[in-house]
């Protein structure tokens, strides 16, 4: 199973049982290293444990992408693909280095 593409620090995959048995250590690693942890059950991803800052940044980016999508619609119901492309490109260019 390959890890999702991401900037550093890398994703870690742990079973739910591993996380349950070592929760304090896993949480400390997330807080200390900023690592994201994919929790699996029988090798199937079931949840993600993220540092709070990464979670907030993800929600903010999703909100900006949603706004870009809706702003590409005109009052007459036409969708402007070029407007959306430019808005998304601007959002991607505004990301901090190493997060692409």
N, C-alpha and C. Protein backbone atom coordinates (compact mmCIF):
# COMPACT_ATOMS: atom_id res chain seq x y z
N UNK A 1 0.86 -1.17 0.00
CA UNK A 1 0.00 0.00 0.00
C UNK A 1 0.90 1.23 0.00
N UNK A 2 0.72 2.12 -0.97
CA UNK A 2 1.57 3.29 -1.04
C UNK A 2 0.96 4.44 -0.26
N UNK A 3 1.83 5.30 0.24
CA UNK A 3 1.37 6.46 1.00
C UNK A 3 0.89 7.54 0.06
N UNK A 4 -0.07 8.37 0.50
CA UNK A 4 -0.54 9.47 -0.33
C UNK A 4 0.58 10.49 -0.54
N UNK A 5 0.60 11.17 -1.69
CA UNK A 5 1.62 12.20 -1.89
C UNK A 5 1.42 13.32 -0.89
N UNK A 6 2.51 13.80 -0.34
CA UNK A 6 2.42 14.86 0.66
C UNK A 6 3.77 15.52 0.82
N UNK A 7 3.76 16.70 1.39
CA UNK A 7 5.00 17.36 1.75
C UNK A 7 5.51 16.72 3.03
N UNK A 8 6.75 17.03 3.41
CA UNK A 8 7.26 16.47 4.65
C UNK A 8 6.51 17.08 5.82
N UNK A 9 6.40 16.46 6.93
CA UNK A 9 6.86 15.11 7.23
C UNK A 9 5.97 14.08 6.56
N UNK A 10 6.52 12.87 6.34
CA UNK A 10 5.76 11.85 5.61
C UNK A 10 4.61 11.28 6.42
N UNK A 11 3.70 10.67 5.69
CA UNK A 11 2.59 9.96 6.32
C UNK A 11 3.12 8.69 6.95
N UNK A 12 2.46 8.29 7.99
CA UNK A 12 2.74 6.99 8.61
C UNK A 12 1.44 6.19 8.59
N UNK A 13 1.55 4.91 8.38
CA UNK A 13 0.40 4.02 8.43
C UNK A 13 0.53 3.13 9.65
N UNK A 14 -0.49 3.15 10.49
CA UNK A 14 -0.53 2.28 11.67
C UNK A 14 -1.90 1.65 11.76
N UNK A 15 -1.93 0.42 12.28
CA UNK A 15 -3.22 -0.23 12.48
C UNK A 15 -3.92 0.42 13.67
N UNK A 16 -5.23 0.30 13.69
CA UNK A 16 -6.00 0.82 14.81
C UNK A 16 -5.50 0.20 16.12
N UNK A 17 -5.15 -1.06 16.06
CA UNK A 17 -4.65 -1.74 17.26
C UNK A 17 -3.33 -1.13 17.73
N UNK A 18 -2.43 -0.81 16.78
CA UNK A 18 -1.15 -0.20 17.14
C UNK A 18 -1.38 1.17 17.79
N UNK A 19 -2.28 1.94 17.21
CA UNK A 19 -2.56 3.28 17.75
C UNK A 19 -3.20 3.16 19.13
N UNK A 20 -4.13 2.24 19.28
CA UNK A 20 -4.79 2.05 20.57
C UNK A 20 -3.77 1.66 21.64
N UNK A 21 -2.87 0.76 21.31
CA UNK A 21 -1.89 0.28 22.29
C UNK A 21 -0.84 1.34 22.63
N UNK A 22 -0.62 2.29 21.71
CA UNK A 22 0.46 3.28 21.89
C UNK A 22 -0.04 4.70 21.68
N UNK A 23 -1.28 4.97 22.07
CA UNK A 23 -1.89 6.26 21.73
C UNK A 23 -1.06 7.45 22.20
N UNK A 24 -0.60 7.43 23.44
CA UNK A 24 0.16 8.58 23.95
C UNK A 24 1.41 8.84 23.11
N UNK A 25 2.12 7.79 22.73
CA UNK A 25 3.34 7.94 21.93
C UNK A 25 3.01 8.44 20.51
N UNK A 26 1.93 7.89 19.93
CA UNK A 26 1.53 8.31 18.58
C UNK A 26 1.12 9.78 18.60
N UNK A 27 0.32 10.17 19.57
CA UNK A 27 -0.11 11.57 19.67
C UNK A 27 1.07 12.49 19.90
N UNK A 28 2.01 12.08 20.72
CA UNK A 28 3.21 12.89 20.95
C UNK A 28 4.00 13.08 19.66
N UNK A 29 4.10 12.03 18.85
CA UNK A 29 4.82 12.13 17.57
C UNK A 29 4.10 13.07 16.62
N UNK A 30 2.77 13.02 16.62
CA UNK A 30 2.01 13.94 15.77
C UNK A 30 2.25 15.37 16.22
N UNK A 31 2.20 15.61 17.51
CA UNK A 31 2.41 16.96 18.04
C UNK A 31 3.85 17.42 17.83
N UNK A 32 4.80 16.57 18.12
CA UNK A 32 6.22 16.93 18.08
C UNK A 32 6.75 17.04 16.65
N UNK A 33 6.45 16.06 15.81
CA UNK A 33 7.01 15.99 14.46
C UNK A 33 6.08 16.53 13.40
N UNK A 34 4.82 16.72 13.74
CA UNK A 34 3.86 17.17 12.74
C UNK A 34 3.49 16.07 11.76
N UNK A 35 3.73 14.82 12.15
CA UNK A 35 3.45 13.69 11.27
C UNK A 35 1.95 13.47 11.16
N UNK A 36 1.52 13.04 9.99
CA UNK A 36 0.13 12.61 9.79
C UNK A 36 0.11 11.09 9.86
N UNK A 37 -0.91 10.55 10.50
CA UNK A 37 -0.99 9.10 10.70
C UNK A 37 -2.28 8.58 10.07
N UNK A 38 -2.13 7.63 9.17
CA UNK A 38 -3.28 6.96 8.57
C UNK A 38 -3.55 5.72 9.41
N UNK A 39 -4.75 5.62 9.96
CA UNK A 39 -5.14 4.47 10.76
C UNK A 39 -5.81 3.45 9.84
N UNK A 40 -5.39 2.21 9.96
CA UNK A 40 -5.93 1.16 9.11
C UNK A 40 -6.53 0.04 9.96
N UNK A 41 -7.48 -0.64 9.36
CA UNK A 41 -8.05 -1.85 9.95
C UNK A 41 -7.99 -2.89 8.85
N UNK A 42 -7.25 -3.96 9.11
CA UNK A 42 -7.03 -5.00 8.10
C UNK A 42 -6.49 -4.38 6.80
N UNK A 43 -5.55 -3.45 6.96
CA UNK A 43 -4.85 -2.75 5.88
C UNK A 43 -5.74 -1.83 5.05
N UNK A 44 -6.94 -1.55 5.51
CA UNK A 44 -7.85 -0.62 4.82
C UNK A 44 -7.88 0.68 5.62
N UNK A 45 -7.58 1.82 4.97
CA UNK A 45 -7.61 3.10 5.70
C UNK A 45 -9.01 3.39 6.26
N UNK A 46 -9.06 3.79 7.54
CA UNK A 46 -10.34 4.09 8.18
C UNK A 46 -10.39 5.48 8.79
N UNK A 47 -9.24 6.09 9.06
CA UNK A 47 -9.22 7.42 9.68
C UNK A 47 -7.83 8.03 9.52
N UNK A 48 -7.74 9.31 9.84
CA UNK A 48 -6.47 10.03 9.76
C UNK A 48 -6.31 10.85 11.02
N UNK A 49 -5.11 10.86 11.57
CA UNK A 49 -4.76 11.69 12.71
C UNK A 49 -3.77 12.74 12.20
N UNK A 50 -4.18 14.02 12.27
CA UNK A 50 -3.37 15.13 11.73
C UNK A 50 -3.04 16.13 12.82
N UNK A 51 -1.91 16.83 12.67
CA UNK A 51 -1.68 17.97 13.55
C UNK A 51 -2.78 19.01 13.31
N UNK A 52 -3.16 19.71 14.36
CA UNK A 52 -4.25 20.68 14.25
C UNK A 52 -3.98 21.71 13.16
N UNK A 53 -2.77 22.22 13.05
CA UNK A 53 -2.46 23.25 12.04
C UNK A 53 -2.67 22.71 10.63
N UNK A 54 -2.31 21.47 10.40
CA UNK A 54 -2.49 20.88 9.07
C UNK A 54 -3.98 20.68 8.76
N UNK A 55 -4.73 20.27 9.75
CA UNK A 55 -6.17 20.12 9.58
C UNK A 55 -6.82 21.45 9.24
N UNK A 56 -6.48 22.49 9.99
CA UNK A 56 -7.04 23.83 9.73
C UNK A 56 -6.66 24.33 8.35
N UNK A 57 -5.39 24.13 7.95
CA UNK A 57 -4.94 24.57 6.63
C UNK A 57 -5.68 23.82 5.53
N UNK A 58 -5.94 22.55 5.75
CA UNK A 58 -6.69 21.76 4.77
C UNK A 58 -8.12 22.27 4.63
N UNK A 59 -8.77 22.53 5.76
CA UNK A 59 -10.13 23.08 5.71
C UNK A 59 -10.17 24.43 5.02
N UNK A 60 -9.18 25.26 5.31
CA UNK A 60 -9.13 26.59 4.69
C UNK A 60 -8.95 26.47 3.17
N UNK A 61 -8.06 25.57 2.73
CA UNK A 61 -7.86 25.40 1.30
C UNK A 61 -9.12 24.87 0.63
N UNK A 62 -9.79 23.92 1.26
CA UNK A 62 -11.04 23.40 0.69
C UNK A 62 -12.09 24.50 0.57
N UNK A 63 -12.18 25.36 1.58
CA UNK A 63 -13.13 26.47 1.54
C UNK A 63 -12.79 27.43 0.40
N UNK A 64 -11.51 27.71 0.21
CA UNK A 64 -11.10 28.60 -0.88
C UNK A 64 -11.38 27.98 -2.25
N UNK A 65 -11.16 26.66 -2.36
CA UNK A 65 -11.46 25.98 -3.62
C UNK A 65 -12.96 25.98 -3.90
N UNK A 66 -13.76 25.79 -2.86
CA UNK A 66 -15.21 25.83 -3.03
C UNK A 66 -15.66 27.23 -3.46
N UNK A 67 -15.10 28.25 -2.86
CA UNK A 67 -15.42 29.62 -3.24
C UNK A 67 -15.03 29.88 -4.70
N UNK A 68 -13.86 29.39 -5.10
CA UNK A 68 -13.42 29.56 -6.50
C UNK A 68 -14.40 28.89 -7.45
N UNK A 69 -14.85 27.69 -7.08
CA UNK A 69 -15.81 26.97 -7.92
C UNK A 69 -17.10 27.77 -8.07
N UNK A 70 -17.66 28.20 -6.95
CA UNK A 70 -18.94 28.90 -7.02
C UNK A 70 -18.81 30.27 -7.69
N UNK A 71 -17.67 30.90 -7.56
CA UNK A 71 -17.50 32.20 -8.21
C UNK A 71 -17.33 32.06 -9.72
N UNK A 72 -17.07 30.85 -10.20
CA UNK A 72 -16.95 30.62 -11.64
C UNK A 72 -18.32 30.56 -12.33
N UNK A 73 -19.38 30.51 -11.55
CA UNK A 73 -20.73 30.51 -12.12
C UNK A 73 -21.22 31.95 -12.28
N UNK A 74 -21.76 32.26 -13.43
CA UNK A 74 -22.29 33.61 -13.65
C UNK A 74 -23.76 33.66 -13.24
N UNK A 75 -24.30 34.88 -13.20
CA UNK A 75 -25.70 35.06 -12.81
C UNK A 75 -26.66 34.38 -13.78
N UNK A 76 -26.23 34.21 -15.03
CA UNK A 76 -27.12 33.57 -16.02
C UNK A 76 -26.96 32.05 -16.06
N UNK A 77 -26.17 31.49 -15.14
CA UNK A 77 -26.04 30.04 -15.04
C UNK A 77 -24.93 29.44 -15.88
N UNK A 78 -24.10 30.28 -16.50
CA UNK A 78 -23.00 29.75 -17.31
C UNK A 78 -21.77 29.54 -16.42
N UNK A 79 -21.04 28.48 -16.71
CA UNK A 79 -19.85 28.17 -15.94
C UNK A 79 -18.62 28.62 -16.73
N UNK A 80 -17.73 29.38 -16.07
CA UNK A 80 -16.54 29.92 -16.70
C UNK A 80 -15.32 29.08 -16.31
N UNK A 81 -14.97 28.12 -17.17
CA UNK A 81 -13.84 27.23 -16.90
C UNK A 81 -12.54 28.00 -16.71
N UNK A 82 -12.33 29.03 -17.52
CA UNK A 82 -11.08 29.79 -17.43
C UNK A 82 -10.98 30.53 -16.10
N UNK A 83 -12.09 31.07 -15.63
CA UNK A 83 -12.09 31.74 -14.32
C UNK A 83 -11.70 30.75 -13.22
N UNK A 84 -12.28 29.56 -13.27
CA UNK A 84 -11.96 28.54 -12.27
C UNK A 84 -10.49 28.15 -12.37
N UNK A 85 -9.99 27.93 -13.58
CA UNK A 85 -8.59 27.55 -13.76
C UNK A 85 -7.66 28.59 -13.18
N UNK A 86 -7.93 29.85 -13.43
CA UNK A 86 -7.09 30.95 -12.92
C UNK A 86 -7.17 31.04 -11.40
N UNK A 87 -8.36 30.88 -10.86
CA UNK A 87 -8.53 30.96 -9.41
C UNK A 87 -7.80 29.82 -8.71
N UNK A 88 -7.90 28.62 -9.25
CA UNK A 88 -7.21 27.47 -8.65
C UNK A 88 -5.70 27.65 -8.78
N UNK A 89 -5.24 28.11 -9.94
CA UNK A 89 -3.80 28.34 -10.14
C UNK A 89 -3.28 29.36 -9.12
N UNK A 90 -4.04 30.41 -8.88
CA UNK A 90 -3.63 31.42 -7.90
C UNK A 90 -3.56 30.82 -6.50
N UNK A 91 -4.50 29.94 -6.15
CA UNK A 91 -4.47 29.30 -4.84
C UNK A 91 -3.26 28.39 -4.71
N UNK A 92 -2.95 27.66 -5.74
CA UNK A 92 -1.81 26.74 -5.70
C UNK A 92 -0.51 27.54 -5.58
N UNK A 93 -0.40 28.64 -6.30
CA UNK A 93 0.81 29.47 -6.24
C UNK A 93 0.99 30.12 -4.88
N UNK A 94 -0.11 30.34 -4.15
CA UNK A 94 -0.04 30.99 -2.84
C UNK A 94 0.35 30.04 -1.72
N UNK A 95 0.42 28.75 -2.01
CA UNK A 95 0.75 27.79 -0.95
C UNK A 95 2.20 27.95 -0.52
N UNK A 96 2.48 27.71 0.75
CA UNK A 96 3.86 27.78 1.23
C UNK A 96 4.74 26.76 0.53
N UNK A 97 6.04 27.04 0.40
CA UNK A 97 6.95 26.10 -0.24
C UNK A 97 6.91 24.73 0.45
N UNK A 98 7.03 23.68 -0.36
CA UNK A 98 7.05 22.33 0.17
C UNK A 98 5.68 21.72 0.42
N UNK A 99 4.60 22.43 0.02
CA UNK A 99 3.26 21.88 0.24
C UNK A 99 2.59 21.52 -1.07
N UNK A 100 3.29 21.50 -2.14
CA UNK A 100 2.69 21.16 -3.43
C UNK A 100 2.62 19.69 -3.64
